[in-house]
Protein backbone atom coordinates (compact mmCIF):
# COMPACT_ATOMS: atom_id res chain seq x y z
CA MET A 1 125.37 -159.21 10.39
CA ALA A 2 123.08 -157.03 8.26
CA ARG A 3 126.00 -155.09 6.92
CA ALA A 4 128.04 -158.11 6.15
CA ALA A 5 125.02 -159.70 4.22
CA GLY A 6 124.09 -156.47 2.50
CA VAL A 7 120.60 -156.39 3.86
CA LYS A 8 118.74 -153.90 6.15
CA VAL A 9 118.37 -154.61 9.82
CA ARG A 10 114.62 -154.57 9.67
CA ASN A 11 114.76 -157.21 6.88
CA LEU A 12 116.97 -159.40 9.01
CA ARG A 13 114.42 -159.17 11.81
CA TYR A 14 111.55 -159.86 9.44
CA TYR A 15 113.27 -163.04 8.17
CA GLN A 16 113.67 -164.22 11.75
CA GLU A 17 109.96 -163.49 12.46
CA ARG A 18 108.92 -165.51 9.32
CA GLY A 19 111.20 -168.44 10.31
CA LEU A 20 113.50 -168.08 7.37
CA LEU A 21 116.50 -167.40 9.73
CA PRO A 22 117.16 -169.21 13.08
CA PRO A 23 117.55 -166.84 16.05
CA PRO A 24 121.05 -165.98 17.18
CA ARG A 25 122.70 -167.54 20.17
CA ARG A 26 122.29 -165.23 23.18
CA GLU A 27 124.53 -164.44 26.02
CA GLY A 28 122.87 -161.90 28.28
CA ARG A 29 122.17 -158.94 26.08
CA ILE A 30 124.45 -160.04 23.44
CA ALA A 31 123.27 -161.82 20.31
CA TRP A 32 125.83 -163.94 18.50
CA TYR A 33 125.39 -164.69 14.75
CA SER A 34 127.46 -167.36 13.10
CA ALA A 35 128.91 -167.96 9.66
CA ASP A 36 125.78 -170.17 8.94
CA HIS A 37 123.46 -167.17 9.60
CA LEU A 38 125.45 -165.15 7.09
CA THR A 39 125.39 -167.91 4.40
CA ARG A 40 121.65 -168.42 5.00
CA LEU A 41 121.04 -164.63 4.61
CA ARG A 42 122.87 -164.55 1.32
CA LEU A 43 121.05 -167.60 0.10
CA ILE A 44 117.70 -165.85 0.89
CA SER A 45 118.87 -162.65 -0.94
CA ASP A 46 119.80 -164.78 -3.96
CA LEU A 47 116.52 -166.46 -4.06
CA LEU A 48 114.60 -163.12 -3.68
CA GLY A 49 116.69 -161.85 -6.53
CA ARG A 50 115.57 -164.87 -8.59
CA GLY A 51 111.98 -164.10 -8.21
CA TYR A 52 111.06 -166.28 -5.21
CA THR A 53 108.54 -164.82 -2.72
CA VAL A 54 109.21 -164.90 1.08
CA ASN A 55 106.63 -167.59 1.45
CA GLY A 56 108.12 -169.63 -1.35
CA ILE A 57 111.59 -169.31 0.20
CA ALA A 58 110.28 -170.49 3.59
CA GLU A 59 108.71 -173.53 1.90
CA LEU A 60 111.83 -174.24 0.01
CA LEU A 61 114.04 -173.98 3.17
CA HIS A 62 111.69 -176.14 5.21
CA ALA A 63 111.67 -178.76 2.46
CA TRP A 64 115.41 -178.73 2.25
CA GLU A 65 115.65 -179.00 6.07
CA ALA A 66 113.17 -181.90 6.15
CA GLY A 67 115.18 -183.81 3.51
CA GLY A 68 118.50 -183.15 5.21
CA GLY A 69 119.86 -181.21 2.28
CA LEU A 70 119.98 -177.66 3.66
CA SER A 71 123.24 -178.09 5.50
CA GLN A 72 124.82 -179.37 2.30
CA LEU A 73 123.36 -176.50 0.31
CA LEU A 74 124.64 -173.98 2.84
CA GLY A 75 128.10 -175.57 2.75
CA PHE A 76 127.88 -175.41 -1.11
CA GLU A 77 127.06 -171.65 -0.92
CA ARG A 78 130.12 -171.05 1.37
CA ALA A 79 132.27 -172.94 -1.11
CA MET A 80 130.94 -170.93 -4.07
CA THR A 81 131.37 -167.46 -2.49
CA ARG A 82 134.54 -167.76 -0.26
CA ASP A 83 137.99 -166.64 -1.33
CA TRP A 84 137.04 -164.38 -4.16
CA VAL A 85 138.02 -161.23 -2.25
CA ASN A 86 141.16 -161.27 -0.12
CA GLU A 87 141.70 -157.67 0.88
CA GLU A 88 142.97 -156.01 4.15
CA PRO A 89 140.68 -153.21 5.34
CA VAL A 90 142.28 -150.07 6.76
CA THR A 91 140.43 -148.07 9.50
CA MET A 92 141.42 -144.51 10.57
CA SER A 93 139.83 -141.36 11.69
CA LEU A 94 138.42 -138.80 9.19
CA ALA A 95 141.21 -136.40 10.34
CA GLU A 96 143.87 -138.97 9.58
CA LEU A 97 142.32 -139.53 6.20
CA ARG A 98 142.37 -135.78 5.44
CA ARG A 99 146.01 -135.59 6.55
CA LEU A 100 146.77 -138.57 4.33
CA PHE A 101 145.53 -136.87 1.20
CA GLY A 102 146.13 -133.30 2.09
CA PRO A 103 144.50 -130.62 -0.06
CA ALA A 104 144.14 -133.21 -2.90
CA GLY A 105 141.08 -134.74 -1.05
CA THR A 106 137.84 -133.00 -0.39
CA ALA A 107 134.66 -133.86 1.48
CA GLU A 108 132.97 -134.47 -1.93
CA ASP A 109 135.74 -137.03 -2.80
CA THR A 110 135.04 -138.82 0.49
CA ARG A 111 131.38 -138.81 -0.24
CA ARG A 112 132.00 -140.27 -3.69
CA ALA A 113 134.29 -142.86 -2.46
CA ALA A 114 131.63 -144.01 0.08
CA GLU A 115 129.11 -144.03 -2.76
CA LEU A 116 131.36 -146.32 -4.81
CA GLY A 117 131.90 -148.64 -1.91
CA TYR A 118 135.62 -147.91 -1.34
CA VAL A 119 135.13 -146.50 2.08
CA ARG A 120 132.50 -146.85 4.90
CA ILE A 121 132.09 -143.96 7.34
CA ASP A 122 131.00 -144.64 10.88
CA GLY A 123 130.89 -141.40 12.97
CA ASP A 124 134.34 -139.98 12.82
CA ARG A 125 135.93 -143.29 11.72
CA VAL A 126 136.44 -144.36 8.16
CA THR A 127 137.28 -147.84 6.83
CA HIS A 128 138.77 -148.33 3.40
CA ARG A 129 137.98 -151.82 2.17
CA SER A 130 141.43 -152.45 0.62
CA ARG A 131 144.92 -151.46 1.70
CA ARG A 132 146.19 -152.15 -1.77
CA LEU A 133 143.65 -149.82 -3.37
CA LEU A 134 144.29 -147.12 -0.82
CA GLU A 135 148.06 -147.22 -1.51
CA ALA A 136 147.49 -147.25 -5.27
CA THR A 137 145.18 -144.25 -4.99
CA LEU A 138 147.79 -142.40 -2.87
CA THR A 139 150.53 -143.21 -5.41
CA LEU A 140 148.45 -141.70 -8.23
CA VAL A 141 147.53 -138.66 -6.21
CA ARG A 142 151.15 -138.03 -5.33
CA GLN A 143 151.96 -138.18 -9.06
CA GLY A 144 149.58 -135.30 -9.62
CA VAL A 145 146.41 -137.10 -10.75
CA PRO A 146 143.30 -135.46 -9.23
CA LEU A 147 141.50 -137.63 -6.79
CA ALA A 148 138.15 -136.90 -8.43
CA GLU A 149 139.47 -138.28 -11.75
CA ILE A 150 140.78 -141.34 -9.96
CA LEU A 151 137.30 -142.02 -8.55
CA ASP A 152 135.85 -141.48 -12.03
CA ALA A 153 138.25 -144.22 -13.29
CA GLY A 154 137.32 -146.36 -10.41
CA ASP A 155 133.64 -146.05 -11.29
CA PHE A 156 134.50 -147.02 -14.88
CA VAL A 157 136.65 -150.02 -13.76
CA GLN A 158 133.80 -151.20 -11.37
CA THR A 159 131.26 -151.10 -14.35
CA GLN A 160 133.70 -153.00 -16.64
CA ALA A 161 134.70 -155.59 -13.97
CA ALA A 162 130.95 -156.27 -13.32
CA ALA A 163 130.43 -156.89 -17.01
CA VAL A 164 133.41 -159.34 -17.08
CA ALA A 165 132.12 -161.02 -14.02
CA ASP A 166 128.62 -161.37 -15.54
CA ARG A 167 130.18 -163.02 -18.59
CA PHE A 168 132.11 -165.62 -16.56
CA VAL A 169 129.14 -166.27 -14.37
CA GLY A 170 126.91 -166.73 -17.35
CA LEU A 171 129.24 -169.27 -18.96
CA PHE A 172 129.48 -171.12 -15.57
CA ARG A 173 125.65 -171.13 -15.19
CA ARG A 174 124.95 -172.44 -18.66
CA HIS A 175 127.69 -175.02 -19.06
CA VAL A 176 128.55 -176.21 -15.50
CA ILE A 177 125.40 -175.82 -13.42
CA GLY A 178 123.08 -176.42 -16.39
CA PRO A 179 119.51 -175.24 -17.12
CA ASP A 180 117.74 -176.78 -14.18
CA GLY A 181 119.57 -174.75 -11.61
CA LEU A 182 120.77 -175.97 -8.19
CA GLU A 183 117.41 -177.31 -6.94
CA ARG A 184 117.59 -180.65 -8.89
CA LEU A 185 121.37 -181.25 -8.54
CA SER A 186 122.41 -184.37 -6.60
CA ALA A 187 125.07 -184.21 -3.87
CA THR A 188 127.71 -185.58 -6.36
CA GLN A 189 126.76 -182.78 -8.80
CA LEU A 190 126.95 -180.14 -6.08
CA ASP A 191 130.49 -181.33 -5.27
CA HIS A 192 131.35 -181.19 -8.96
CA VAL A 193 130.17 -177.65 -9.17
CA SER A 194 132.08 -176.70 -5.99
CA ASP A 195 135.26 -178.12 -7.49
CA ALA A 196 134.63 -176.25 -10.76
CA VAL A 197 134.27 -172.95 -8.79
CA ALA A 198 137.56 -173.69 -7.05
CA ALA A 199 139.30 -174.18 -10.41
CA LEU A 200 137.60 -171.01 -11.87
CA ARG A 201 138.92 -168.48 -9.15
CA PRO A 202 142.47 -168.41 -10.30
CA VAL A 203 141.68 -168.83 -14.08
CA ALA A 204 139.32 -165.81 -14.06
CA GLY A 205 141.87 -163.57 -12.34
CA GLU A 206 144.64 -164.69 -14.71
CA VAL A 207 142.64 -164.12 -17.83
CA VAL A 208 141.64 -160.61 -16.73
CA ALA A 209 145.22 -159.71 -15.52
CA SER A 210 146.79 -161.10 -18.70
CA GLU A 211 144.44 -159.30 -21.16
CA PHE A 212 144.69 -156.01 -19.12
CA ALA A 213 148.52 -156.30 -19.19
CA ARG A 214 148.54 -156.84 -22.92
CA ALA A 215 146.21 -153.94 -23.50
CA MET A 216 148.33 -151.65 -21.37
CA ALA A 217 151.48 -152.67 -23.25
CA GLN A 218 149.81 -151.84 -26.61
CA ARG A 219 148.39 -148.48 -25.39
CA VAL A 220 151.72 -147.43 -23.77
CA GLU A 221 153.76 -148.42 -26.87
CA ALA A 222 151.35 -146.45 -29.10
CA GLU A 223 151.55 -143.46 -26.68
CA VAL A 224 155.29 -143.51 -26.68
CA ALA A 225 155.37 -143.75 -30.42
CA GLU A 226 153.13 -140.67 -30.76
CA LEU A 227 155.28 -138.67 -28.25
CA LEU A 228 158.48 -139.54 -30.23
CA ARG A 229 156.79 -138.60 -33.49
CA LYS A 230 155.82 -135.28 -32.14
CA LYS A 231 159.25 -134.62 -30.72
CA ALA A 232 160.81 -135.44 -34.15
């Protein structure tokens, strides 16, 4: 649960101790967390990032619960954050990963891939977060592109993607949610924002894919023209 929410285990336990997070359902020695726990953890992290204190978040959550609005807010958060990422992870042993990349991959490359969030290492098992990205990386390596340079490119793409996402989110916050934030939105307004997010998902992806395809076409055309000029 802590890994899925991007928090430390000790923080999760602290939130439970402070009453921000309900206890899990227990069966013997097993504790079962639900999707609502994950959603609530993400909401707590978001509020902390916006400058709320732990005490302030506790008061806010209790007020929402008393007014019956917390379940709706949690449902709103699920609607806002779901379906953006649809990737199939791939898990294998470290030995299998080394055989897959052969001499092109080094221990340093694996460490860098983990640092960039492409892989997660757990003992002698490694999980790549995206089968598509793994296959794309293998294709480039087999064409002779050094893995270290592919990871450099991935680092660059992540930075640029974050900047594009920030731009879209900023537009959405200013013009759809409005200056008052979520706290003062009515149930009808929350539904409107959820519908707007659902409409944004495919639009954002199409805009980025279209612009990247156009830029690639221009760059490849210019590169081919330069190669032909040199040949002549």
